[in-house]
Amino acid sequence: MSSDYRYSIHNGKTSATITHLILSYSGLVTISVHDLNGRELQKVFQGEQTAGRHRLVVDGAELPTGVYSLQLRYNDKSACQKIILLK
């Protein structure tokens, strides 16, 4: 991961996952949920975001229990994190 951003994910025993995102500078951010085949299932956020700490909630109520990839795109960089959704 780049030092320009970092994020952490917390998934309790609910269908929601809380993502904490820390950005070093303002920029275009896209966060999306993908299945293990790479298909985008849900766009969590897309737009300009200011520098600093942000909290986003990934609502998995419409998704079945399973393993997913949470993809972060920030300006010209990207990172993925595996999430497990339990209901």
PDB file of N, CA and C in Angstrom:
ATOM      1  N   MET A   1       0.818  -1.189   0.000  1.00  0.00           N
ATOM      2  CA  MET A   1       0.000   0.000   0.000  1.00  0.00           C
ATOM      3  C   MET A   1       0.857   1.245   0.000  1.00  0.00           C
ATOM      4  N   SER A   2       0.348   2.232  -0.595  1.00  0.00           N
ATOM      5  CA  SER A   2       1.054   3.510  -0.659  1.00  0.00           C
ATOM      6  C   SER A   2       0.922   4.245   0.655  1.00  0.00           C
ATOM      7  N   SER A   3       1.846   5.136   0.925  1.00  0.00           N
ATOM      8  CA  SER A   3       1.752   5.953   2.131  1.00  0.00           C
ATOM      9  C   SER A   3       0.759   7.095   1.949  1.00  0.00           C
ATOM     10  N   ASP A   4       0.169   7.225   0.746  1.00  0.00           N
ATOM     11  CA  ASP A   4      -0.806   8.276   0.483  1.00  0.00           C
ATOM     12  C   ASP A   4      -2.151   7.986   1.140  1.00  0.00           C
ATOM     13  N   TYR A   5      -2.432   6.730   1.413  1.00  0.00           N
ATOM     14  CA  TYR A   5      -3.705   6.357   2.008  1.00  0.00           C
ATOM     15  C   TYR A   5      -3.539   5.062   2.793  1.00  0.00           C
ATOM     16  N   ARG A   6      -4.484   4.819   3.687  1.00  0.00           N
ATOM     17  CA  ARG A   6      -4.575   3.530   4.356  1.00  0.00           C
ATOM     18  C   ARG A   6      -6.005   3.359   4.820  1.00  0.00           C
ATOM     19  N   TYR A   7      -6.409   2.122   4.997  1.00  0.00           N
ATOM     20  CA  TYR A   7      -7.756   1.881   5.454  1.00  0.00           C
ATOM     21  C   TYR A   7      -7.805   0.612   6.277  1.00  0.00           C
ATOM     22  N   SER A   8      -8.816   0.533   7.117  1.00  0.00           N
ATOM     23  CA  SER A   8      -9.033  -0.663   7.922  1.00  0.00           C
ATOM     24  C   SER A   8     -10.497  -1.037   7.825  1.00  0.00           C
ATOM     25  N   ILE A   9     -10.773  -2.300   8.049  1.00  0.00           N
ATOM     26  CA  ILE A   9     -12.122  -2.816   7.887  1.00  0.00           C
ATOM     27  C   ILE A   9     -12.527  -3.548   9.155  1.00  0.00           C
ATOM     28  N   HIS A  10     -13.742  -3.290   9.604  1.00  0.00           N
ATOM     29  CA  HIS A  10     -14.278  -3.954  10.790  1.00  0.00           C
ATOM     30  C   HIS A  10     -15.599  -4.604  10.402  1.00  0.00           C
ATOM     31  N   ASN A  11     -15.711  -5.908  10.611  1.00  0.00           N
ATOM     32  CA  ASN A  11     -16.928  -6.624  10.293  1.00  0.00           C
ATOM     33  C   ASN A  11     -17.320  -7.415  11.522  1.00  0.00           C
ATOM     34  N   GLY A  12     -18.371  -6.965  12.170  1.00  0.00           N
ATOM     35  CA  GLY A  12     -18.885  -7.687  13.327  1.00  0.00           C
ATOM     36  C   GLY A  12     -19.849  -8.760  12.870  1.00  0.00           C
ATOM     37  N   LYS A  13     -20.804  -9.074  13.681  1.00  0.00           N
ATOM     38  CA  LYS A  13     -21.775 -10.115  13.335  1.00  0.00           C
ATOM     39  C   LYS A  13     -23.025  -9.497  12.718  1.00  0.00           C
ATOM     40  N   THR A  14     -22.828  -8.566  11.825  1.00  0.00           N
ATOM     41  CA  THR A  14     -23.927  -7.936  11.111  1.00  0.00           C
ATOM     42  C   THR A  14     -23.616  -7.950   9.631  1.00  0.00           C
ATOM     43  N   SER A  15     -24.570  -7.499   8.819  1.00  0.00           N
ATOM     44  CA  SER A  15     -24.343  -7.459   7.382  1.00  0.00           C
ATOM     45  C   SER A  15     -23.634  -6.178   6.959  1.00  0.00           C
ATOM     46  N   ALA A  16     -23.286  -5.329   7.903  1.00  0.00           N
ATOM     47  CA  ALA A  16     -22.594  -4.079   7.584  1.00  0.00           C
ATOM     48  C   ALA A  16     -21.114  -4.185   7.939  1.00  0.00           C
ATOM     49  N   THR A  17     -20.300  -3.586   7.087  1.00  0.00           N
ATOM     50  CA  THR A  17     -18.864  -3.515   7.322  1.00  0.00           C
ATOM     51  C   THR A  17     -18.481  -2.044   7.365  1.00  0.00           C
ATOM     52  N   ILE A  18     -17.747  -1.651   8.379  1.00  0.00           N
ATOM     53  CA  ILE A  18     -17.327  -0.256   8.525  1.00  0.00           C
ATOM     54  C   ILE A  18     -15.903  -0.130   8.012  1.00  0.00           C
ATOM     55  N   THR A  19     -15.690   0.798   7.113  1.00  0.00           N
ATOM     56  CA  THR A  19     -14.382   1.034   6.536  1.00  0.00           C
ATOM     57  C   THR A  19     -13.882   2.397   6.974  1.00  0.00           C
ATOM     58  N   HIS A  20     -12.685   2.438   7.551  1.00  0.00           N
ATOM     59  CA  HIS A  20     -12.043   3.697   7.928  1.00  0.00           C
ATOM     60  C   HIS A  20     -10.973   3.984   6.895  1.00  0.00           C
ATOM     61  N   LEU A  21     -11.047   5.144   6.311  1.00  0.00           N
ATOM     62  CA  LEU A  21     -10.156   5.528   5.231  1.00  0.00           C
ATOM     63  C   LEU A  21      -9.428   6.801   5.626  1.00  0.00           C
ATOM     64  N   ILE A  22      -8.113   6.787   5.532  1.00  0.00           N
ATOM     65  CA  ILE A  22      -7.307   7.966   5.842  1.00  0.00           C
ATOM     66  C   ILE A  22      -6.564   8.376   4.577  1.00  0.00           C
ATOM     67  N   LEU A  23      -6.845   9.581   4.098  1.00  0.00           N
ATOM     68  CA  LEU A  23      -6.235  10.086   2.875  1.00  0.00           C
ATOM     69  C   LEU A  23      -5.252  11.205   3.194  1.00  0.00           C
ATOM     70  N   SER A  24      -4.095  11.156   2.577  1.00  0.00           N
ATOM     71  CA  SER A  24      -3.078  12.190   2.795  1.00  0.00           C
ATOM     72  C   SER A  24      -3.413  13.485   2.074  1.00  0.00           C
ATOM     73  N   TYR A  25      -4.158  13.373   0.970  1.00  0.00           N
ATOM     74  CA  TYR A  25      -4.550  14.568   0.222  1.00  0.00           C
ATOM     75  C   TYR A  25      -5.877  14.303  -0.484  1.00  0.00           C
ATOM     76  N   SER A  26      -6.534  15.347  -0.917  1.00  0.00           N
ATOM     77  CA  SER A  26      -7.821  15.217  -1.599  1.00  0.00           C
ATOM     78  C   SER A  26      -7.654  14.480  -2.914  1.00  0.00           C
ATOM     79  N   GLY A  27      -8.714  13.806  -3.330  1.00  0.00           N
ATOM     80  CA  GLY A  27      -8.648  13.117  -4.606  1.00  0.00           C
ATOM     81  C   GLY A  27      -9.904  12.324  -4.896  1.00  0.00           C
ATOM     82  N   LEU A  28      -9.926  11.717  -6.065  1.00  0.00           N
ATOM     83  CA  LEU A  28     -11.046  10.901  -6.502  1.00  0.00           C
ATOM     84  C   LEU A  28     -10.950   9.522  -5.855  1.00  0.00           C
ATOM     85  N   VAL A  29     -12.020   9.117  -5.180  1.00  0.00           N
ATOM     86  CA  VAL A  29     -12.053   7.837  -4.459  1.00  0.00           C
ATOM     87  C   VAL A  29     -13.222   7.011  -4.967  1.00  0.00           C
ATOM     88  N   THR A  30     -12.962   5.736  -5.221  1.00  0.00           N
ATOM     89  CA  THR A  30     -14.016   4.782  -5.540  1.00  0.00           C
ATOM     90  C   THR A  30     -13.811   3.562  -4.653  1.00  0.00           C
ATOM     91  N   ILE A  31     -14.871   3.160  -3.965  1.00  0.00           N
ATOM     92  CA  ILE A  31     -14.841   1.939  -3.152  1.00  0.00           C
ATOM     93  C   ILE A  31     -15.985   1.059  -3.633  1.00  0.00           C
ATOM     94  N   SER A  32     -15.658  -0.193  -3.970  1.00  0.00           N
ATOM     95  CA  SER A  32     -16.664  -1.100  -4.499  1.00  0.00           C
ATOM     96  C   SER A  32     -16.447  -2.513  -3.972  1.00  0.00           C
ATOM     97  N   VAL A  33     -17.532  -3.290  -3.966  1.00  0.00           N
ATOM     98  CA  VAL A  33     -17.507  -4.685  -3.521  1.00  0.00           C
ATOM     99  C   VAL A  33     -17.560  -5.570  -4.755  1.00  0.00           C
ATOM    100  N   HIS A  34     -16.664  -6.577  -4.788  1.00  0.00           N
ATOM    101  CA  HIS A  34     -16.591  -7.495  -5.923  1.00  0.00           C
ATOM    102  C   HIS A  34     -16.692  -8.931  -5.427  1.00  0.00           C
ATOM    103  N   ASP A  35     -17.246  -9.806  -6.280  1.00  0.00           N
ATOM    104  CA  ASP A  35     -17.211 -11.229  -5.941  1.00  0.00           C
ATOM    105  C   ASP A  35     -15.827 -11.771  -6.281  1.00  0.00           C
ATOM    106  N   LEU A  36     -15.594 -13.040  -6.003  1.00  0.00           N
ATOM    107  CA  LEU A  36     -14.267 -13.612  -6.211  1.00  0.00           C
ATOM    108  C   LEU A  36     -13.909 -13.787  -7.687  1.00  0.00           C
ATOM    109  N   ASN A  37     -14.884 -13.588  -8.572  1.00  0.00           N
ATOM    110  CA  ASN A  37     -14.621 -13.620 -10.009  1.00  0.00           C
ATOM    111  C   ASN A  37     -14.310 -12.225 -10.557  1.00  0.00           C
ATOM    112  N   GLY A  38     -14.310 -11.221  -9.676  1.00  0.00           N
ATOM    113  CA  GLY A  38     -13.976  -9.862 -10.091  1.00  0.00           C
ATOM    114  C   GLY A  38     -15.154  -9.021 -10.547  1.00  0.00           C
ATOM    115  N   ARG A  39     -16.360  -9.566 -10.509  1.00  0.00           N
ATOM    116  CA  ARG A  39     -17.543  -8.794 -10.910  1.00  0.00           C
ATOM    117  C   ARG A  39     -17.914  -7.791  -9.823  1.00  0.00           C
ATOM    118  N   GLU A  40     -18.148  -6.556 -10.241  1.00  0.00           N
ATOM    119  CA  GLU A  40     -18.568  -5.541  -9.279  1.00  0.00           C
ATOM    120  C   GLU A  40     -20.020  -5.784  -8.890  1.00  0.00           C
ATOM    121  N   LEU A  41     -20.266  -5.884  -7.579  1.00  0.00           N
ATOM    122  CA  LEU A  41     -21.608  -6.138  -7.069  1.00  0.00           C
ATOM    123  C   LEU A  41     -22.237  -4.907  -6.462  1.00  0.00           C
ATOM    124  N   GLN A  42     -21.403  -4.018  -5.937  1.00  0.00           N
ATOM    125  CA  GLN A  42     -21.932  -2.850  -5.234  1.00  0.00           C
ATOM    126  C   GLN A  42     -20.905  -1.723  -5.267  1.00  0.00           C
ATOM    127  N   LYS A  43     -21.373  -0.539  -5.610  1.00  0.00           N
ATOM    128  CA  LYS A  43     -20.528   0.656  -5.542  1.00  0.00           C
ATOM    129  C   LYS A  43     -20.847   1.320  -4.204  1.00  0.00           C
ATOM    130  N   VAL A  44     -19.874   1.342  -3.300  1.00  0.00           N
ATOM    131  CA  VAL A  44     -20.067   1.900  -1.962  1.00  0.00           C
ATOM    132  C   VAL A  44     -19.947   3.410  -1.992  1.00  0.00           C
ATOM    133  N   PHE A  45     -18.942   3.901  -2.692  1.00  0.00           N
ATOM    134  CA  PHE A  45     -18.712   5.347  -2.779  1.00  0.00           C
ATOM    135  C   PHE A  45     -17.945   5.656  -4.055  1.00  0.00           C
ATOM    136  N   GLN A  46     -18.301   6.770  -4.677  1.00  0.00           N
ATOM    137  CA  GLN A  46     -17.532   7.257  -5.808  1.00  0.00           C
ATOM    138  C   GLN A  46     -17.646   8.776  -5.829  1.00  0.00           C
ATOM    139  N   GLY A  47     -16.500   9.437  -5.763  1.00  0.00           N
ATOM    140  CA  GLY A  47     -16.511  10.884  -5.807  1.00  0.00           C
ATOM    141  C   GLY A  47     -15.246  11.484  -5.227  1.00  0.00           C
ATOM    142  N   GLU A  48     -15.229  12.785  -5.191  1.00  0.00           N
ATOM    143  CA  GLU A  48     -14.096  13.528  -4.640  1.00  0.00           C
ATOM    144  C   GLU A  48     -14.159  13.441  -3.119  1.00  0.00           C
ATOM    145  N   GLN A  49     -13.027  13.221  -2.502  1.00  0.00           N
ATOM    146  CA  GLN A  49     -12.955  13.132  -1.038  1.00  0.00           C
ATOM    147  C   GLN A  49     -11.801  14.015  -0.560  1.00  0.00           C
ATOM    148  N   THR A  50     -12.021  14.705   0.532  1.00  0.00           N
ATOM    149  CA  THR A  50     -10.992  15.584   1.080  1.00  0.00           C
ATOM    150  C   THR A  50      -9.954  14.780   1.860  1.00  0.00           C
ATOM    151  N   ALA A  51      -8.817  15.379   2.090  1.00  0.00           N
ATOM    152  CA  ALA A  51      -7.785  14.747   2.914  1.00  0.00           C
ATOM    153  C   ALA A  51      -8.318  14.574   4.330  1.00  0.00           C
ATOM    154  N   GLY A  52      -7.830  13.543   5.008  1.00  0.00           N
ATOM    155  CA  GLY A  52      -8.240  13.299   6.390  1.00  0.00           C
ATOM    156  C   GLY A  52      -8.864  11.928   6.555  1.00  0.00           C
ATOM    157  N   ARG A  53      -9.510  11.738   7.701  1.00  0.00           N
ATOM    158  CA  ARG A  53     -10.100  10.446   8.065  1.00  0.00           C
ATOM    159  C   ARG A  53     -11.580  10.429   7.670  1.00  0.00           C
ATOM    160  N   HIS A  54     -11.995   9.310   7.090  1.00  0.00           N
ATOM    161  CA  HIS A  54     -13.380   9.146   6.659  1.00  0.00           C
ATOM    162  C   HIS A  54     -13.882   7.782   7.097  1.00  0.00           C
ATOM    163  N   ARG A  55     -15.183   7.703   7.348  1.00  0.00           N
ATOM    164  CA  ARG A  55     -15.815   6.452   7.772  1.00  0.00           C
ATOM    165  C   ARG A  55     -16.930   6.148   6.777  1.00  0.00           C
ATOM    166  N   LEU A  56     -16.875   4.974   6.187  1.00  0.00           N
ATOM    167  CA  LEU A  56     -17.888   4.543   5.232  1.00  0.00           C
ATOM    168  C   LEU A  56     -18.475   3.221   5.695  1.00  0.00           C
ATOM    169  N   VAL A  57     -19.761   3.033   5.459  1.00  0.00           N
ATOM    170  CA  VAL A  57     -20.425   1.792   5.825  1.00  0.00           C
ATOM    171  C   VAL A  57     -20.764   1.022   4.547  1.00  0.00           C
ATOM    172  N   VAL A  58     -20.308  -0.210   4.482  1.00  0.00           N
ATOM    173  CA  VAL A  58     -20.639  -1.102   3.379  1.00  0.00           C
ATOM    174  C   VAL A  58     -21.841  -1.915   3.828  1.00  0.00           C
ATOM    175  N   ASP A  59     -22.988  -1.698   3.201  1.00  0.00           N
ATOM    176  CA  ASP A  59     -24.216  -2.402   3.572  1.00  0.00           C
ATOM    177  C   ASP A  59     -24.323  -3.682   2.752  1.00  0.00           C
ATOM    178  N   GLY A  60     -24.135  -4.801   3.401  1.00  0.00           N
ATOM    179  CA  GLY A  60     -24.195  -6.092   2.724  1.00  0.00           C
ATOM    180  C   GLY A  60     -25.535  -6.784   2.852  1.00  0.00           C
ATOM    181  N   ALA A  61     -26.588  -6.053   3.175  1.00  0.00           N
ATOM    182  CA  ALA A  61     -27.905  -6.660   3.389  1.00  0.00           C
ATOM    183  C   ALA A  61     -28.417  -7.398   2.152  1.00  0.00           C
ATOM    184  N   GLU A  62     -28.060  -6.924   0.966  1.00  0.00           N
ATOM    185  CA  GLU A  62     -28.530  -7.543  -0.275  1.00  0.00           C
ATOM    186  C   GLU A  62     -27.598  -8.645  -0.778  1.00  0.00           C
ATOM    187  N   LEU A  63     -26.482  -8.864  -0.084  1.00  0.00           N
ATOM    188  CA  LEU A  63     -25.510  -9.875  -0.502  1.00  0.00           C
ATOM    189  C   LEU A  63     -25.615 -11.106   0.390  1.00  0.00           C
ATOM    190  N   PRO A  64     -25.440 -12.298  -0.179  1.00  0.00           N
ATOM    191  CA  PRO A  64     -25.460 -13.504   0.654  1.00  0.00           C
ATOM    192  C   PRO A  64     -24.169 -13.632   1.471  1.00  0.00           C
ATOM    193  N   THR A  65     -24.216 -14.455   2.503  1.00  0.00           N
ATOM    194  CA  THR A  65     -23.021 -14.760   3.278  1.00  0.00           C
ATOM    195  C   THR A  65     -21.946 -15.273   2.323  1.00  0.00           C
ATOM    196  N   GLY A  66     -20.717 -14.756   2.499  1.00  0.00           N
ATOM    197  CA  GLY A  66     -19.646 -15.211   1.620  1.00  0.00           C
ATOM    198  C   GLY A  66     -18.406 -14.357   1.734  1.00  0.00           C
ATOM    199  N   VAL A  67     -17.460 -14.625   0.854  1.00  0.00           N
ATOM    200  CA  VAL A  67     -16.197 -13.908   0.803  1.00  0.00           C
ATOM    201  C   VAL A  67     -16.237 -12.954  -0.382  1.00  0.00           C
ATOM    202  N   TYR A  68     -15.833 -11.728  -0.144  1.00  0.00           N
ATOM    203  CA  TYR A  68     -15.855 -10.682  -1.168  1.00  0.00           C
ATOM    204  C   TYR A  68     -14.540  -9.918  -1.151  1.00  0.00           C
ATOM    205  N   SER A  69     -14.343  -9.128  -2.178  1.00  0.00           N
ATOM    206  CA  SER A  69     -13.187  -8.247  -2.264  1.00  0.00           C
ATOM    207  C   SER A  69     -13.679  -6.809  -2.217  1.00  0.00           C
ATOM    208  N   LEU A  70     -13.124  -6.034  -1.313  1.00  0.00           N
ATOM    209  CA  LEU A  70     -13.435  -4.611  -1.233  1.00  0.00           C
ATOM    210  C   LEU A  70     -12.301  -3.882  -1.940  1.00  0.00           C
ATOM    211  N   GLN A  71     -12.628  -3.197  -3.023  1.00  0.00           N
ATOM    212  CA  GLN A  71     -11.611  -2.529  -3.818  1.00  0.00           C
ATOM    213  C   GLN A  71     -11.649  -1.030  -3.592  1.00  0.00           C
ATOM    214  N   LEU A  72     -10.482  -0.470  -3.329  1.00  0.00           N
ATOM    215  CA  LEU A  72     -10.302   0.961  -3.149  1.00  0.00           C
ATOM    216  C   LEU A  72      -9.495   1.490  -4.320  1.00  0.00           C
ATOM    217  N   ARG A  73     -10.027   2.507  -4.977  1.00  0.00           N
ATOM    218  CA  ARG A  73      -9.273   3.238  -6.006  1.00  0.00           C
ATOM    219  C   ARG A  73      -9.157   4.672  -5.537  1.00  0.00           C
ATOM    220  N   TYR A  74      -7.938   5.164  -5.539  1.00  0.00           N
ATOM    221  CA  TYR A  74      -7.658   6.500  -5.017  1.00  0.00           C
ATOM    222  C   TYR A  74      -6.718   7.175  -5.998  1.00  0.00           C
ATOM    223  N   ASN A  75      -7.252   8.167  -6.719  1.00  0.00           N
ATOM    224  CA  ASN A  75      -6.523   8.813  -7.811  1.00  0.00           C
ATOM    225  C   ASN A  75      -6.031   7.732  -8.778  1.00  0.00           C
ATOM    226  N   ASP A  76      -4.762   7.518  -8.935  1.00  0.00           N
ATOM    227  CA  ASP A  76      -4.272   6.526  -9.896  1.00  0.00           C
ATOM    228  C   ASP A  76      -3.766   5.245  -9.226  1.00  0.00           C
ATOM    229  N   LYS A  77      -4.147   5.008  -7.965  1.00  0.00           N
ATOM    230  CA  LYS A  77      -3.690   3.822  -7.228  1.00  0.00           C
ATOM    231  C   LYS A  77      -4.894   2.953  -6.853  1.00  0.00           C
ATOM    232  N   SER A  78      -4.626   1.685  -6.542  1.00  0.00           N
ATOM    233  CA  SER A  78      -5.715   0.819  -6.095  1.00  0.00           C
ATOM    234  C   SER A  78      -5.195  -0.197  -5.088  1.00  0.00           C
ATOM    235  N   ALA A  79      -6.119  -0.701  -4.280  1.00  0.00           N
ATOM    236  CA  ALA A  79      -5.813  -1.738  -3.298  1.00  0.00           C
ATOM    237  C   ALA A  79      -7.081  -2.569  -3.081  1.00  0.00           C
ATOM    238  N   CYS A  80      -6.891  -3.819  -2.722  1.00  0.00           N
ATOM    239  CA  CYS A  80      -8.018  -4.721  -2.453  1.00  0.00           C
ATOM    240  C   CYS A  80      -7.856  -5.329  -1.075  1.00  0.00           C
ATOM    241  N   GLN A  81      -8.984  -5.591  -0.449  1.00  0.00           N
ATOM    242  CA  GLN A  81      -8.997  -6.236   0.867  1.00  0.00           C
ATOM    243  C   GLN A  81     -10.118  -7.276   0.869  1.00  0.00           C
ATOM    244  N   LYS A  82      -9.814  -8.465   1.329  1.00  0.00           N
ATOM    245  CA  LYS A  82     -10.829  -9.509   1.432  1.00  0.00           C
ATOM    246  C   LYS A  82     -11.722  -9.212   2.628  1.00  0.00           C
ATOM    247  N   ILE A  83     -13.033  -9.380   2.432  1.00  0.00           N
ATOM    248  CA  ILE A  83     -13.978  -9.258   3.541  1.00  0.00           C
ATOM    249  C   ILE A  83     -14.848 -10.507   3.562  1.00  0.00           C
ATOM    250  N   ILE A  84     -15.243 -10.904   4.750  1.00  0.00           N
ATOM    251  CA  ILE A  84     -16.133 -12.042   4.919  1.00  0.00           C
ATOM    252  C   ILE A  84     -17.432 -11.515   5.499  1.00  0.00           C
ATOM    253  N   LEU A  85     -18.505 -11.752   4.791  1.00  0.00           N
ATOM    254  CA  LEU A  85     -19.816 -11.280   5.211  1.00  0.00           C
ATOM    255  C   LEU A  85     -20.560 -12.425   5.873  1.00  0.00           C
ATOM    256  N   LEU A  86     -20.910 -12.253   7.137  1.00  0.00           N
ATOM    257  CA  LEU A  86     -21.638 -13.257   7.899  1.00  0.00           C
ATOM    258  C   LEU A  86     -23.009 -12.697   8.265  1.00  0.00           C
ATOM    259  N   LYS A  87     -24.007 -13.527   8.178  1.00  0.00           N
ATOM    260  CA  LYS A  87     -25.359 -13.099   8.567  1.00  0.00           C
ATOM    261  C   LYS A  87     -25.937 -14.048   9.581  1.00  0.00           C
TER     262      LYS A  87
END
